[in-house]
Amino acid sequence: MRVRYPLPLPELILAAVDALTAKNAPSNKSPISTHIEASYGHVVKINSTLLGVHLKAMLNTGKLVLVNNNYMRPPPPSPPIQSPSSSSDDDDDDVSTSHNSKTSSSTSTSSSKAATDSKANPIANENPSSTENESFHLLNADDKAKEIKGIQTMTVNILESSKDYVLFCDVPGLTKADVQVTVEDAKTLVIQSIGDRKRKREEEGCKYIRLEKEVSPKFKRKFLLPTDSNLAAISAKCENGLLTVSVEKLPPQPQAKTFDVNIS
């Protein structure tokens, strides 16, 4: 019988990091895996490849930091420094002016931060109300009604390097024969299930009492490819419940040169 994780793997990782840090014990990949397995009487077996993928994703999202080869929680942000009031008589006016200023500043800062995050992280601002979002966002407004209800059950992490984009998709219990990866209209990456997959029959006297890490028998997700994607160099592999899709980048276009023209 296949044993399911009692909690999502990122939560197990954070709990292990907290416990190891509290004991001043090493908290790199191996101790984290050992601690998780020991916490559940070694009935939970951690997939080393999947653990590495989640650790890398948690570093990229800021949930963890790497200090001296140990994974740790990031330090809490420093509290803002407040300047003392210059006069008690002007407190009411200062509060009103400060509130209006902060409201305006907050709106401007939020808009600026949203624009910055959108460029820095292509999956940070997925907007369910839009038909076609930015690079690697889920396309879901017009297609949502047509697609299967289990569309959100396949979780995806996306890693960008200088050479490529890599999508890590959790597909527990699936093989390459159960998944199809295609490109539509030379701009949309589609990942969907194929065939009529059914859950493996439970052994006699055993039954599942909780199923958190299992994708829907039918799912379909669409992602808008970045403009620098090389459509001729997209590859995928599926092993140990993890589908990895690699999209190579096109070489950067040479910048236009400026030169003088002699006037006769």
Protein backbone atom coordinates (compact mmCIF):
# COMPACT_ATOMS: atom_id res chain seq x y z
CA MET A 1 0.00 0.00 0.00
CA ARG A 2 1.34 3.40 -0.92
CA VAL A 3 1.78 5.74 2.08
CA ARG A 4 0.60 9.33 1.64
CA TYR A 5 2.25 12.32 3.25
CA PRO A 6 0.25 13.36 6.37
CA LEU A 7 0.71 17.04 5.38
CA PRO A 8 1.79 18.87 2.20
CA LEU A 9 5.55 18.43 1.80
CA PRO A 10 6.38 22.19 2.17
CA GLU A 11 4.68 22.19 5.59
CA LEU A 12 6.66 19.10 6.64
CA ILE A 13 9.87 20.82 5.49
CA LEU A 14 9.15 24.00 7.50
CA ALA A 15 8.33 21.96 10.62
CA ALA A 16 11.58 20.00 10.25
CA VAL A 17 13.63 23.19 9.74
CA ASP A 18 12.09 24.77 12.86
CA ALA A 19 12.79 21.67 14.96
CA LEU A 20 16.39 21.31 13.77
CA THR A 21 17.09 25.03 14.20
CA ALA A 22 15.73 24.95 17.77
CA LYS A 23 18.21 22.18 18.61
CA ASN A 24 21.09 23.97 16.83
CA ALA A 25 21.38 20.88 14.65
CA PRO A 26 22.40 20.87 10.96
CA SER A 27 19.40 21.58 8.73
CA ASN A 28 20.55 20.67 5.25
CA LYS A 29 18.74 18.30 2.89
CA SER A 30 19.70 14.99 4.54
CA PRO A 31 18.81 15.92 8.17
CA ILE A 32 15.51 17.42 6.98
CA SER A 33 14.58 14.17 5.21
CA THR A 34 15.66 12.07 8.22
CA HIS A 35 13.70 14.26 10.67
CA ILE A 36 10.48 14.05 8.63
CA GLU A 37 10.71 10.26 8.34
CA ALA A 38 11.58 9.85 12.06
CA SER A 39 8.66 12.09 13.09
CA TYR A 40 6.21 9.56 11.63
CA GLY A 41 7.92 6.37 12.75
CA HIS A 42 9.69 5.94 9.40
CA VAL A 43 6.40 5.06 7.69
CA VAL A 44 6.80 8.18 5.51
CA LYS A 45 9.47 7.81 2.84
CA ILE A 46 10.72 11.06 1.33
CA ASN A 47 11.50 11.24 -2.39
CA SER A 48 14.94 12.87 -2.54
CA THR A 49 14.39 14.42 -5.98
CA LEU A 50 11.02 15.90 -5.01
CA LEU A 51 12.46 17.18 -1.71
CA GLY A 52 15.23 18.98 -3.62
CA VAL A 53 12.71 20.57 -5.98
CA HIS A 54 10.59 21.89 -3.09
CA LEU A 55 13.65 23.22 -1.22
CA LYS A 56 14.78 25.12 -4.33
CA ALA A 57 11.27 26.51 -4.87
CA MET A 58 11.04 27.63 -1.22
CA LEU A 59 14.37 29.43 -1.58
CA ASN A 60 13.09 31.21 -4.70
CA THR A 61 9.87 32.31 -2.96
CA GLY A 62 11.66 33.50 0.19
CA LYS A 63 10.11 30.92 2.54
CA LEU A 64 13.61 29.64 3.33
CA VAL A 65 17.15 31.02 3.19
CA LEU A 66 20.43 29.12 2.89
CA VAL A 67 23.02 29.98 5.56
CA ASN A 68 26.29 28.00 5.69
CA ASN A 69 24.63 25.21 3.68
CA ASN A 70 21.75 25.02 6.20
CA TYR A 71 18.13 25.81 5.34
CA MET A 72 16.62 28.33 7.76
CA ARG A 73 13.59 30.59 8.10
CA PRO A 74 14.29 34.15 6.88
CA PRO A 75 14.78 36.74 9.65
CA PRO A 76 11.71 38.89 10.47
CA PRO A 77 11.64 42.35 8.85
CA SER A 78 12.89 45.27 10.93
CA PRO A 79 10.14 47.56 12.33
CA PRO A 80 9.86 50.98 10.65
CA ILE A 81 11.58 53.91 12.37
CA GLN A 82 9.07 56.55 13.46
CA SER A 83 10.14 60.16 13.86
CA PRO A 84 8.93 62.01 17.01
CA SER A 85 6.14 64.60 16.65
CA SER A 86 7.40 68.19 16.57
CA SER A 87 4.41 69.78 18.33
CA SER A 88 1.40 68.46 20.22
CA ASP A 89 -0.76 71.35 18.94
CA ASP A 90 -0.40 70.14 15.37
CA ASP A 91 -1.12 66.47 16.11
CA ASP A 92 -4.59 66.46 14.53
CA ASP A 93 -3.41 68.18 11.36
CA ASP A 94 -0.33 65.96 11.19
CA VAL A 95 -2.41 62.79 11.54
CA SER A 96 -4.81 63.88 8.79
CA THR A 97 -2.02 64.95 6.46
CA SER A 98 0.01 61.84 7.22
CA HIS A 99 -3.00 59.58 6.58
CA ASN A 100 -3.71 61.14 3.19
CA SER A 101 -0.04 61.04 2.28
CA LYS A 102 0.32 57.41 3.34
CA THR A 103 -2.83 56.43 1.43
CA SER A 104 -1.52 58.05 -1.75
CA SER A 105 1.95 56.65 -1.19
CA SER A 106 0.58 53.18 -0.45
CA THR A 107 -1.45 53.16 -3.67
CA SER A 108 1.55 54.28 -5.70
CA THR A 109 3.88 51.83 -3.96
CA SER A 110 1.45 48.94 -4.42
CA SER A 111 1.10 49.66 -8.14
CA SER A 112 4.86 49.97 -8.51
CA LYS A 113 5.47 46.78 -6.52
CA ALA A 114 2.89 44.87 -8.55
CA ALA A 115 4.58 45.94 -11.78
CA THR A 116 8.00 44.99 -10.41
CA ASP A 117 6.82 41.61 -9.11
CA SER A 118 5.10 40.91 -12.41
CA LYS A 119 8.40 41.30 -14.26
CA ALA A 120 10.51 39.53 -11.65
CA ASN A 121 8.21 36.56 -11.07
CA PRO A 122 6.01 35.51 -14.01
CA ILE A 123 3.66 33.48 -11.78
CA ALA A 124 3.36 35.96 -8.89
CA ASN A 125 0.17 37.75 -9.99
CA GLU A 126 -2.04 35.11 -11.54
CA ASN A 127 -5.39 36.84 -12.04
CA PRO A 128 -8.41 34.51 -12.38
CA SER A 129 -10.54 37.25 -13.98
CA SER A 130 -8.32 37.83 -17.01
CA THR A 131 -8.53 35.80 -20.19
CA GLU A 132 -4.83 35.82 -20.94
CA ASN A 133 -2.33 36.72 -18.24
CA GLU A 134 1.42 37.28 -18.39
CA SER A 135 4.07 34.69 -19.20
CA PHE A 136 3.33 31.23 -17.73
CA HIS A 137 0.06 32.40 -16.17
CA LEU A 138 -2.94 30.12 -16.25
CA LEU A 139 -5.33 30.92 -19.10
CA ASN A 140 -8.72 30.37 -17.55
CA ALA A 141 -11.56 32.81 -18.19
CA ASP A 142 -13.04 31.55 -21.48
CA ASP A 143 -11.65 28.04 -21.09
CA LYS A 144 -12.66 27.56 -17.47
CA ALA A 145 -16.22 26.44 -18.19
CA LYS A 146 -15.02 24.00 -20.84
CA GLU A 147 -12.32 22.37 -18.76
CA ILE A 148 -12.61 19.68 -16.14
CA LYS A 149 -13.45 20.60 -12.55
CA GLY A 150 -10.08 19.23 -11.34
CA ILE A 151 -8.09 21.90 -13.21
CA GLN A 152 -6.48 23.30 -10.04
CA THR A 153 -5.44 19.96 -8.53
CA MET A 154 -2.06 19.79 -10.33
CA THR A 155 0.35 22.12 -8.54
CA VAL A 156 3.17 23.70 -10.55
CA ASN A 157 6.44 25.44 -9.65
CA ILE A 158 8.26 27.36 -12.40
CA LEU A 159 12.01 28.03 -12.31
CA GLU A 160 13.72 30.51 -14.66
CA SER A 161 17.45 30.44 -15.43
CA SER A 162 19.57 32.28 -17.97
CA LYS A 163 19.11 29.39 -20.42
CA ASP A 164 15.60 28.05 -19.91
CA TYR A 165 12.30 27.86 -18.03
CA VAL A 166 11.54 24.65 -16.10
CA LEU A 167 8.06 23.64 -14.90
CA PHE A 168 7.88 21.15 -12.01
CA CYS A 169 4.40 19.59 -11.89
CA ASP A 170 3.21 17.30 -9.08
CA VAL A 171 1.44 14.32 -10.69
CA PRO A 172 1.51 11.57 -8.01
CA GLY A 173 0.48 8.17 -9.27
CA LEU A 174 0.83 9.12 -12.95
CA THR A 175 3.22 7.86 -15.61
CA LYS A 176 4.18 9.40 -18.94
CA ALA A 177 1.36 7.40 -20.54
CA ASP A 178 -1.19 9.33 -18.44
CA VAL A 179 -0.02 12.87 -19.30
CA GLN A 180 0.09 14.88 -22.53
CA VAL A 181 2.13 18.06 -23.12
CA THR A 182 1.36 20.14 -26.24
CA VAL A 183 1.83 23.66 -27.62
CA GLU A 184 -1.20 25.45 -29.10
CA ASP A 185 -1.04 28.38 -31.53
CA ALA A 186 2.74 28.60 -31.08
CA LYS A 187 2.28 30.41 -27.77
CA THR A 188 0.31 28.29 -25.27
CA LEU A 189 1.72 25.34 -23.32
CA VAL A 190 -0.98 22.79 -22.44
CA ILE A 191 -0.56 20.04 -19.82
CA GLN A 192 -3.44 17.59 -19.48
CA SER A 193 -4.35 14.05 -18.51
CA ILE A 194 -5.19 11.46 -21.15
CA GLY A 195 -6.93 8.10 -21.01
CA ASP A 196 -9.24 6.86 -18.27
CA ARG A 197 -7.03 6.59 -15.19
CA LYS A 198 -8.46 4.96 -12.08
CA ARG A 199 -7.01 4.76 -8.59
CA LYS A 200 -5.20 1.52 -7.81
CA ARG A 201 -7.44 -0.93 -5.99
CA GLU A 202 -6.99 -0.85 -2.24
CA GLU A 203 -5.69 -4.00 -0.61
CA GLU A 204 -8.14 -6.19 1.26
CA GLY A 205 -8.79 -4.80 4.73
CA CYS A 206 -7.25 -1.42 3.83
CA LYS A 207 -8.81 1.80 2.66
CA TYR A 208 -7.72 5.40 2.13
CA ILE A 209 -8.94 7.65 4.95
CA ARG A 210 -7.30 10.81 3.60
CA LEU A 211 -6.11 11.70 0.09
CA GLU A 212 -4.29 15.03 -0.25
CA LYS A 213 -1.58 14.20 -2.76
CA GLU A 214 -3.54 12.90 -5.71
CA VAL A 215 -4.43 14.77 -8.88
CA SER A 216 -7.90 14.57 -10.37
CA PRO A 217 -8.37 11.78 -12.93
CA LYS A 218 -9.08 14.57 -15.43
CA PHE A 219 -7.14 17.83 -15.42
CA LYS A 220 -5.98 20.44 -17.92
CA ARG A 221 -3.81 23.52 -17.42
CA LYS A 222 -2.69 26.15 -19.94
CA PHE A 223 0.26 28.54 -19.70
CA LEU A 224 1.17 31.46 -21.94
CA LEU A 225 4.75 30.97 -23.14
CA PRO A 226 7.19 33.91 -22.89
CA THR A 227 8.17 35.55 -26.18
CA ASP A 228 11.76 34.28 -25.87
CA SER A 229 10.71 30.61 -25.75
CA ASN A 230 12.34 28.28 -28.28
CA LEU A 231 9.39 26.19 -29.48
CA ALA A 232 11.76 23.75 -31.19
CA ALA A 233 13.50 22.95 -27.89
CA ILE A 234 10.77 21.91 -25.45
CA SER A 235 11.23 18.61 -23.61
CA ALA A 236 9.44 16.75 -20.83
CA LYS A 237 9.97 13.75 -18.56
CA CYS A 238 7.78 12.08 -15.96
CA GLU A 239 9.19 9.99 -13.13
CA ASN A 240 8.48 9.36 -9.45
CA GLY A 241 5.28 11.42 -9.55
CA LEU A 242 7.01 14.52 -10.92
CA LEU A 243 6.50 15.90 -14.45
CA THR A 244 9.36 18.19 -15.53
CA VAL A 245 8.88 20.36 -18.63
CA SER A 246 11.91 22.31 -19.92
CA VAL A 247 11.53 25.25 -22.32
CA GLU A 248 14.81 26.57 -23.70
CA LYS A 249 15.24 30.29 -24.30
CA LEU A 250 16.07 31.85 -27.65
CA PRO A 251 19.39 33.73 -27.77
CA PRO A 252 18.93 37.47 -27.12
CA GLN A 253 18.45 39.62 -30.19
CA PRO A 254 21.41 41.89 -31.03
CA GLN A 255 20.78 45.51 -30.16
CA ALA A 256 20.37 47.95 -33.02
CA LYS A 257 23.49 50.02 -33.61
CA THR A 258 23.53 53.79 -34.09
CA PHE A 259 25.94 55.25 -36.63
CA ASP A 260 26.51 58.63 -38.27
CA VAL A 261 25.73 59.33 -41.91
CA ASN A 262 28.04 61.74 -43.68
CA ILE A 263 26.34 64.72 -45.26
CA SER A 264 27.93 65.82 -48.56
